[in-house]
PDB file of N, CA and C in Angstrom:
ATOM      1  N   MET A   1      -2.244 -14.940  11.316  1.00  0.00           N
ATOM      2  CA  MET A   1      -1.563 -14.220  12.493  1.00  0.00           C
ATOM      3  C   MET A   1      -3.023 -13.680  13.238  1.00  0.00           C
ATOM      4  N   MET A   2      -3.461 -13.569  13.012  1.00  0.00           N
ATOM      5  CA  MET A   2      -5.040 -12.312  13.607  1.00  0.00           C
ATOM      6  C   MET A   2      -5.278 -13.475  14.542  1.00  0.00           C
ATOM      7  N   ASP A   3      -5.440 -13.938  15.955  1.00  0.00           N
ATOM      8  CA  ASP A   3      -5.662 -14.766  16.757  1.00  0.00           C
ATOM      9  C   ASP A   3      -5.997 -14.094  17.945  1.00  0.00           C
ATOM     10  N   ASP A   4      -6.920 -14.259  18.994  1.00  0.00           N
ATOM     11  CA  ASP A   4      -6.848 -13.911  20.191  1.00  0.00           C
ATOM     12  C   ASP A   4      -7.398 -14.666  20.943  1.00  0.00           C
ATOM     13  N   SER A   5      -7.297 -16.025  20.409  1.00  0.00           N
ATOM     14  CA  SER A   5      -6.433 -17.139  21.611  1.00  0.00           C
ATOM     15  C   SER A   5      -8.013 -17.694  21.350  1.00  0.00           C
ATOM     16  N   GLY A   6      -8.848 -17.257  20.914  1.00  0.00           N
ATOM     17  CA  GLY A   6     -10.497 -17.894  20.647  1.00  0.00           C
ATOM     18  C   GLY A   6     -10.717 -18.644  19.468  1.00  0.00           C
ATOM     19  N   GLY A   7      -9.658 -19.152  19.050  1.00  0.00           N
ATOM     20  CA  GLY A   7     -10.319 -19.708  17.569  1.00  0.00           C
ATOM     21  C   GLY A   7     -10.538 -18.750  16.363  1.00  0.00           C
ATOM     22  N   GLY A   8     -10.224 -17.310  16.940  1.00  0.00           N
ATOM     23  CA  GLY A   8     -10.629 -16.894  15.662  1.00  0.00           C
ATOM     24  C   GLY A   8     -10.674 -16.649  14.312  1.00  0.00           C
ATOM     25  N   GLY A   9     -10.253 -15.647  13.451  1.00  0.00           N
ATOM     26  CA  GLY A   9      -9.607 -15.786  11.752  1.00  0.00           C
ATOM     27  C   GLY A   9      -8.365 -15.715  11.840  1.00  0.00           C
ATOM     28  N   ALA A  10      -7.557 -16.582  11.987  1.00  0.00           N
ATOM     29  CA  ALA A  10      -6.010 -16.362  11.349  1.00  0.00           C
ATOM     30  C   ALA A  10      -5.447 -16.280  10.164  1.00  0.00           C
ATOM     31  N   VAL A  11      -4.902 -15.519   9.810  1.00  0.00           N
ATOM     32  CA  VAL A  11      -3.382 -15.177   8.137  1.00  0.00           C
ATOM     33  C   VAL A  11      -2.486 -15.763   8.711  1.00  0.00           C
ATOM     34  N   PRO A  12      -2.278 -16.922   7.858  1.00  0.00           N
ATOM     35  CA  PRO A  12      -0.961 -17.647   7.685  1.00  0.00           C
ATOM     36  C   PRO A  12       0.016 -16.757   7.491  1.00  0.00           C
ATOM     37  N   GLU A  13       1.071 -17.123   7.810  1.00  0.00           N
ATOM     38  CA  GLU A  13       2.132 -16.193   8.275  1.00  0.00           C
ATOM     39  C   GLU A  13       2.738 -16.119   6.961  1.00  0.00           C
ATOM     40  N   GLU A  14       2.494 -17.447   5.723  1.00  0.00           N
ATOM     41  CA  GLU A  14       3.446 -16.840   4.225  1.00  0.00           C
ATOM     42  C   GLU A  14       2.146 -15.981   3.766  1.00  0.00           C
ATOM     43  N   THR A  15       1.087 -16.608   3.951  1.00  0.00           N
ATOM     44  CA  THR A  15       0.780 -15.285   3.473  1.00  0.00           C
ATOM     45  C   THR A  15       0.453 -13.934   3.183  1.00  0.00           C
ATOM     46  N   LEU A  16       0.970 -12.859   4.701  1.00  0.00           N
ATOM     47  CA  LEU A  16       1.281 -12.290   4.554  1.00  0.00           C
ATOM     48  C   LEU A  16       2.570 -11.416   4.125  1.00  0.00           C
ATOM     49  N   ARG A  17       3.207 -12.703   4.293  1.00  0.00           N
ATOM     50  CA  ARG A  17       4.884 -12.579   3.738  1.00  0.00           C
ATOM     51  C   ARG A  17       5.362 -12.043   1.775  1.00  0.00           C
ATOM     52  N   ARG A  18       3.917 -12.961   1.340  1.00  0.00           N
ATOM     53  CA  ARG A  18       3.689 -11.970   0.003  1.00  0.00           C
ATOM     54  C   ARG A  18       3.279 -11.086  -0.738  1.00  0.00           C
ATOM     55  N   VAL A  19       2.425 -10.218   0.362  1.00  0.00           N
ATOM     56  CA  VAL A  19       2.037  -9.386   0.341  1.00  0.00           C
ATOM     57  C   VAL A  19       2.800  -7.992   0.074  1.00  0.00           C
ATOM     58  N   ALA A  20       2.842  -7.351  -1.809  1.00  0.00           N
ATOM     59  CA  ALA A  20       3.387  -6.864  -2.047  1.00  0.00           C
ATOM     60  C   ALA A  20       3.072  -5.230  -2.133  1.00  0.00           C
ATOM     61  N   VAL A  21       2.429  -5.314  -1.502  1.00  0.00           N
ATOM     62  CA  VAL A  21       1.650  -3.412  -1.653  1.00  0.00           C
ATOM     63  C   VAL A  21       2.310  -3.040   0.424  1.00  0.00           C
ATOM     64  N   PRO A  22       2.250  -1.957  -0.063  1.00  0.00           N
ATOM     65  CA  PRO A  22       2.710  -1.288   1.084  1.00  0.00           C
ATOM     66  C   PRO A  22       2.014  -1.455   2.106  1.00  0.00           C
ATOM     67  N   VAL A  23       1.465  -1.254   3.669  1.00  0.00           N
ATOM     68  CA  VAL A  23       0.561  -1.609   4.019  1.00  0.00           C
ATOM     69  C   VAL A  23       1.072  -1.416   5.623  1.00  0.00           C
ATOM     70  N   LEU A  24      -0.253  -0.340   6.596  1.00  0.00           N
ATOM     71  CA  LEU A  24       0.199   0.169   7.343  1.00  0.00           C
ATOM     72  C   LEU A  24      -0.850  -0.040   8.464  1.00  0.00           C
ATOM     73  N   VAL A  25      -0.292  -0.842   8.909  1.00  0.00           N
ATOM     74  CA  VAL A  25      -0.941  -1.429  10.682  1.00  0.00           C
ATOM     75  C   VAL A  25      -1.075  -0.653  11.458  1.00  0.00           C
ATOM     76  N   LEU A  26      -2.443  -0.428  12.314  1.00  0.00           N
ATOM     77  CA  LEU A  26      -2.428   0.736  12.947  1.00  0.00           C
ATOM     78  C   LEU A  26      -2.953  -0.110  14.046  1.00  0.00           C
ATOM     79  N   ASP A  27      -2.432  -0.173  15.509  1.00  0.00           N
ATOM     80  CA  ASP A  27      -3.237  -0.394  16.526  1.00  0.00           C
ATOM     81  C   ASP A  27      -3.473   0.783  17.587  1.00  0.00           C
ATOM     82  N   GLY A  28      -4.283   0.588  18.969  1.00  0.00           N
ATOM     83  CA  GLY A  28      -4.134   1.380  19.626  1.00  0.00           C
ATOM     84  C   GLY A  28      -3.511   1.490  21.174  1.00  0.00           C
ATOM     85  N   GLY A  29      -3.202   2.435  21.777  1.00  0.00           N
ATOM     86  CA  GLY A  29      -1.821   2.404  22.619  1.00  0.00           C
ATOM     87  C   GLY A  29      -2.769   1.506  23.846  1.00  0.00           C
ATOM     88  N   ASP A  30      -4.194   1.628  24.141  1.00  0.00           N
ATOM     89  CA  ASP A  30      -5.040   1.780  25.496  1.00  0.00           C
ATOM     90  C   ASP A  30      -6.045  -0.005  25.166  1.00  0.00           C
ATOM     91  N   SER A  31      -5.169  -0.197  23.869  1.00  0.00           N
ATOM     92  CA  SER A  31      -6.290  -1.335  23.063  1.00  0.00           C
ATOM     93  C   SER A  31      -5.240  -2.592  24.367  1.00  0.00           C
ATOM     94  N   PRO A  32      -6.247  -4.489  24.031  1.00  0.00           N
ATOM     95  CA  PRO A  32      -5.053  -4.949  25.338  1.00  0.00           C
ATOM     96  C   PRO A  32      -3.946  -5.644  24.436  1.00  0.00           C
ATOM     97  N   ALA A  33      -2.874  -5.903  25.527  1.00  0.00           N
ATOM     98  CA  ALA A  33      -1.815  -6.015  24.650  1.00  0.00           C
ATOM     99  C   ALA A  33      -2.424  -7.273  23.630  1.00  0.00           C
ATOM    100  N   TRP A  34      -2.774  -7.699  23.653  1.00  0.00           N
ATOM    101  CA  TRP A  34      -2.874  -9.029  22.811  1.00  0.00           C
ATOM    102  C   TRP A  34      -2.882  -8.554  21.008  1.00  0.00           C
ATOM    103  N   MET A  35      -4.030  -7.196  20.940  1.00  0.00           N
ATOM    104  CA  MET A  35      -4.427  -6.903  19.773  1.00  0.00           C
ATOM    105  C   MET A  35      -2.939  -5.758  19.454  1.00  0.00           C
ATOM    106  N   ARG A  36      -2.270  -5.543  20.345  1.00  0.00           N
ATOM    107  CA  ARG A  36      -0.585  -4.376  19.853  1.00  0.00           C
ATOM    108  C   ARG A  36       0.330  -5.705  19.730  1.00  0.00           C
ATOM    109  N   ASP A  37      -0.220  -6.335  20.118  1.00  0.00           N
ATOM    110  CA  ASP A  37       1.663  -7.772  19.732  1.00  0.00           C
ATOM    111  C   ASP A  37       1.129  -8.427  18.036  1.00  0.00           C
ATOM    112  N   VAL A  38      -0.159  -8.954  17.645  1.00  0.00           N
ATOM    113  CA  VAL A  38      -0.929  -9.176  16.855  1.00  0.00           C
ATOM    114  C   VAL A  38      -0.721  -7.878  16.037  1.00  0.00           C
ATOM    115  N   ALA A  39      -0.321  -6.401  16.055  1.00  0.00           N
ATOM    116  CA  ALA A  39      -0.201  -5.369  14.703  1.00  0.00           C
ATOM    117  C   ALA A  39       1.203  -5.451  14.676  1.00  0.00           C
ATOM    118  N   ALA A  40       2.027  -5.106  15.406  1.00  0.00           N
ATOM    119  CA  ALA A  40       2.938  -5.085  15.215  1.00  0.00           C
ATOM    120  C   ALA A  40       4.258  -6.680  14.736  1.00  0.00           C
ATOM    121  N   ARG A  41       3.713  -7.505  15.205  1.00  0.00           N
ATOM    122  CA  ARG A  41       3.856  -8.828  14.420  1.00  0.00           C
ATOM    123  C   ARG A  41       3.582  -8.871  12.741  1.00  0.00           C
ATOM    124  N   THR A  42       2.430  -8.438  13.079  1.00  0.00           N
ATOM    125  CA  THR A  42       1.791  -8.451  11.475  1.00  0.00           C
ATOM    126  C   THR A  42       2.420  -7.525  10.329  1.00  0.00           C
ATOM    127  N   ALA A  43       2.949  -6.315  11.070  1.00  0.00           N
ATOM    128  CA  ALA A  43       4.035  -5.614  10.092  1.00  0.00           C
ATOM    129  C   ALA A  43       5.278  -5.913  10.061  1.00  0.00           C
ATOM    130  N   GLU A  44       5.575  -6.612  11.033  1.00  0.00           N
ATOM    131  CA  GLU A  44       7.205  -7.299  10.644  1.00  0.00           C
ATOM    132  C   GLU A  44       7.243  -8.328   9.900  1.00  0.00           C
ATOM    133  N   LEU A  45       5.816  -8.983   9.451  1.00  0.00           N
ATOM    134  CA  LEU A  45       5.879  -9.853   8.635  1.00  0.00           C
ATOM    135  C   LEU A  45       5.548  -9.472   7.322  1.00  0.00           C
ATOM    136  N   LEU A  46       4.857  -8.515   6.683  1.00  0.00           N
ATOM    137  CA  LEU A  46       4.428  -7.887   5.317  1.00  0.00           C
ATOM    138  C   LEU A  46       6.211  -7.329   4.473  1.00  0.00           C
ATOM    139  N   PRO A  47       6.624  -7.508   4.035  1.00  0.00           N
ATOM    140  CA  PRO A  47       6.981  -6.908   3.121  1.00  0.00           C
ATOM    141  C   PRO A  47       7.901  -5.540   3.459  1.00  0.00           C
ATOM    142  N   ALA A  48       6.149  -5.093   3.039  1.00  0.00           N
ATOM    143  CA  ALA A  48       6.443  -3.570   2.961  1.00  0.00           C
ATOM    144  C   ALA A  48       5.217  -2.684   3.803  1.00  0.00           C
ATOM    145  N   GLY A  49       5.306  -3.586   5.577  1.00  0.00           N
ATOM    146  CA  GLY A  49       4.845  -3.328   5.872  1.00  0.00           C
ATOM    147  C   GLY A  49       4.973  -1.918   7.424  1.00  0.00           C
ATOM    148  N   THR A  50       3.919  -1.217   7.727  1.00  0.00           N
ATOM    149  CA  THR A  50       4.497  -0.328   8.951  1.00  0.00           C
ATOM    150  C   THR A  50       3.922   0.098   9.712  1.00  0.00           C
ATOM    151  N   HIS A  51       4.308  -0.098  10.899  1.00  0.00           N
ATOM    152  CA  HIS A  51       3.286  -0.265  12.464  1.00  0.00           C
ATOM    153  C   HIS A  51       3.152   1.280  13.246  1.00  0.00           C
ATOM    154  N   ARG A  52       2.493   1.189  13.189  1.00  0.00           N
ATOM    155  CA  ARG A  52       2.335   2.800  14.114  1.00  0.00           C
ATOM    156  C   ARG A  52       0.903   2.070  15.959  1.00  0.00           C
ATOM    157  N   THR A  53       1.348   2.925  16.741  1.00  0.00           N
ATOM    158  CA  THR A  53       0.424   2.964  17.680  1.00  0.00           C
ATOM    159  C   THR A  53      -0.238   4.670  17.581  1.00  0.00           C
ATOM    160  N   LEU A  54      -1.495   4.276  18.023  1.00  0.00           N
ATOM    161  CA  LEU A  54      -2.035   5.123  18.328  1.00  0.00           C
ATOM    162  C   LEU A  54      -2.894   6.118  19.396  1.00  0.00           C
ATOM    163  N   PRO A  55      -1.858   6.503  20.317  1.00  0.00           N
ATOM    164  CA  PRO A  55      -1.674   6.715  21.671  1.00  0.00           C
ATOM    165  C   PRO A  55      -3.280   7.507  22.207  1.00  0.00           C
ATOM    166  N   GLY A  56      -2.983   6.594  23.446  1.00  0.00           N
ATOM    167  CA  GLY A  56      -4.976   7.158  24.291  1.00  0.00           C
ATOM    168  C   GLY A  56      -6.382   6.187  23.243  1.00  0.00           C
ATOM    169  N   GLN A  57      -5.735   5.539  22.203  1.00  0.00           N
ATOM    170  CA  GLN A  57      -6.927   4.906  21.739  1.00  0.00           C
ATOM    171  C   GLN A  57      -6.911   3.169  21.479  1.00  0.00           C
ATOM    172  N   THR A  58      -8.384   2.900  21.517  1.00  0.00           N
ATOM    173  CA  THR A  58      -8.822   1.676  21.750  1.00  0.00           C
ATOM    174  C   THR A  58      -8.584   0.934  20.370  1.00  0.00           C
ATOM    175  N   HIS A  59      -9.121  -0.054  19.890  1.00  0.00           N
ATOM    176  CA  HIS A  59      -9.524  -0.317  18.929  1.00  0.00           C
ATOM    177  C   HIS A  59     -11.210   0.122  18.659  1.00  0.00           C
ATOM    178  N   ASP A  60     -11.555   1.286  18.755  1.00  0.00           N
ATOM    179  CA  ASP A  60     -13.130   2.010  18.132  1.00  0.00           C
ATOM    180  C   ASP A  60     -11.971   3.831  18.179  1.00  0.00           C
ATOM    181  N   VAL A  61     -11.162   3.835  17.773  1.00  0.00           N
ATOM    182  CA  VAL A  61     -10.492   4.897  17.263  1.00  0.00           C
ATOM    183  C   VAL A  61     -10.931   5.915  16.764  1.00  0.00           C
ATOM    184  N   ALA A  62     -10.747   7.014  17.166  1.00  0.00           N
ATOM    185  CA  ALA A  62     -11.230   8.365  17.024  1.00  0.00           C
ATOM    186  C   ALA A  62     -11.090   8.824  15.702  1.00  0.00           C
ATOM    187  N   ALA A  63     -12.005   8.961  14.365  1.00  0.00           N
ATOM    188  CA  ALA A  63     -11.225   9.492  13.704  1.00  0.00           C
ATOM    189  C   ALA A  63     -10.689  10.576  13.609  1.00  0.00           C
ATOM    190  N   ASP A  64     -10.098  11.999  14.400  1.00  0.00           N
ATOM    191  CA  ASP A  64      -9.429  12.583  14.423  1.00  0.00           C
ATOM    192  C   ASP A  64      -7.997  12.813  14.736  1.00  0.00           C
ATOM    193  N   ALA A  65      -7.678  11.134  15.771  1.00  0.00           N
ATOM    194  CA  ALA A  65      -6.408  10.601  15.808  1.00  0.00           C
ATOM    195  C   ALA A  65      -6.362   9.395  14.430  1.00  0.00           C
ATOM    196  N   LEU A  66      -6.995   9.118  14.070  1.00  0.00           N
ATOM    197  CA  LEU A  66      -6.552   8.485  12.722  1.00  0.00           C
ATOM    198  C   LEU A  66      -6.146   8.694  11.284  1.00  0.00           C
ATOM    199  N   ALA A  67      -7.032  10.157  11.345  1.00  0.00           N
ATOM    200  CA  ALA A  67      -7.231  11.011  10.210  1.00  0.00           C
ATOM    201  C   ALA A  67      -5.504  11.278   9.878  1.00  0.00           C
ATOM    202  N   PRO A  68      -5.002  11.925  10.406  1.00  0.00           N
ATOM    203  CA  PRO A  68      -3.447  12.628  10.077  1.00  0.00           C
ATOM    204  C   PRO A  68      -2.460  11.421   9.861  1.00  0.00           C
ATOM    205  N   VAL A  69      -2.792  10.017  10.690  1.00  0.00           N
ATOM    206  CA  VAL A  69      -1.680   9.372  10.692  1.00  0.00           C
ATOM    207  C   VAL A  69      -2.028   8.752   9.412  1.00  0.00           C
ATOM    208  N   LEU A  70      -3.445   8.198   8.684  1.00  0.00           N
ATOM    209  CA  LEU A  70      -3.560   8.174   7.353  1.00  0.00           C
ATOM    210  C   LEU A  70      -3.246   8.892   6.134  1.00  0.00           C
ATOM    211  N   SER A  71      -3.576  10.162   6.469  1.00  0.00           N
ATOM    212  CA  SER A  71      -3.297  11.083   5.159  1.00  0.00           C
ATOM    213  C   SER A  71      -1.414  10.750   5.106  1.00  0.00           C
ATOM    214  N   GLU A  72      -0.658  11.121   6.089  1.00  0.00           N
ATOM    215  CA  GLU A  72       0.966  11.211   6.243  1.00  0.00           C
ATOM    216  C   GLU A  72       0.716   9.361   5.296  1.00  0.00           C
ATOM    217  N   PHE A  73       0.838   8.652   5.713  1.00  0.00           N
ATOM    218  CA  PHE A  73       1.191   7.051   5.397  1.00  0.00           C
ATOM    219  C   PHE A  73       0.975   7.603   3.338  1.00  0.00           C
ATOM    220  N   LEU A  74      -0.210   7.951   3.084  1.00  0.00           N
ATOM    221  CA  LEU A  74      -1.385   7.957   1.802  1.00  0.00           C
ATOM    222  C   LEU A  74      -0.942   9.364   0.836  1.00  0.00           C
ATOM    223  N   THR A  75       0.331   9.893   1.783  1.00  0.00           N
ATOM    224  CA  THR A  75       0.773  10.389   0.867  1.00  0.00           C
ATOM    225  C   THR A  75       2.464  10.473   0.589  1.00  0.00           C
ATOM    226  N   THR A  76       2.811   9.785   1.253  1.00  0.00           N
ATOM    227  CA  THR A  76       4.104   9.343   1.210  1.00  0.00           C
ATOM    228  C   THR A  76       4.591   8.242   0.631  1.00  0.00           C
TER     229      THR A  76
END
């Protein structure tokens, strides 16, 4: 699934569909559109996937933007 059109490391959709644990898939609102699209699609394919966008963040996300989202996911 994760592929930037440069031949990177794609994960087969069937593999994602077999992941049995809850997964939080994040993207940065200021990341390239293809990254945001892949994150959303990945979460859709995961049986217990949750997708969130971190506004104002890129792939190099700030810890203070990431921490509350992780904390919420891990405690619910």
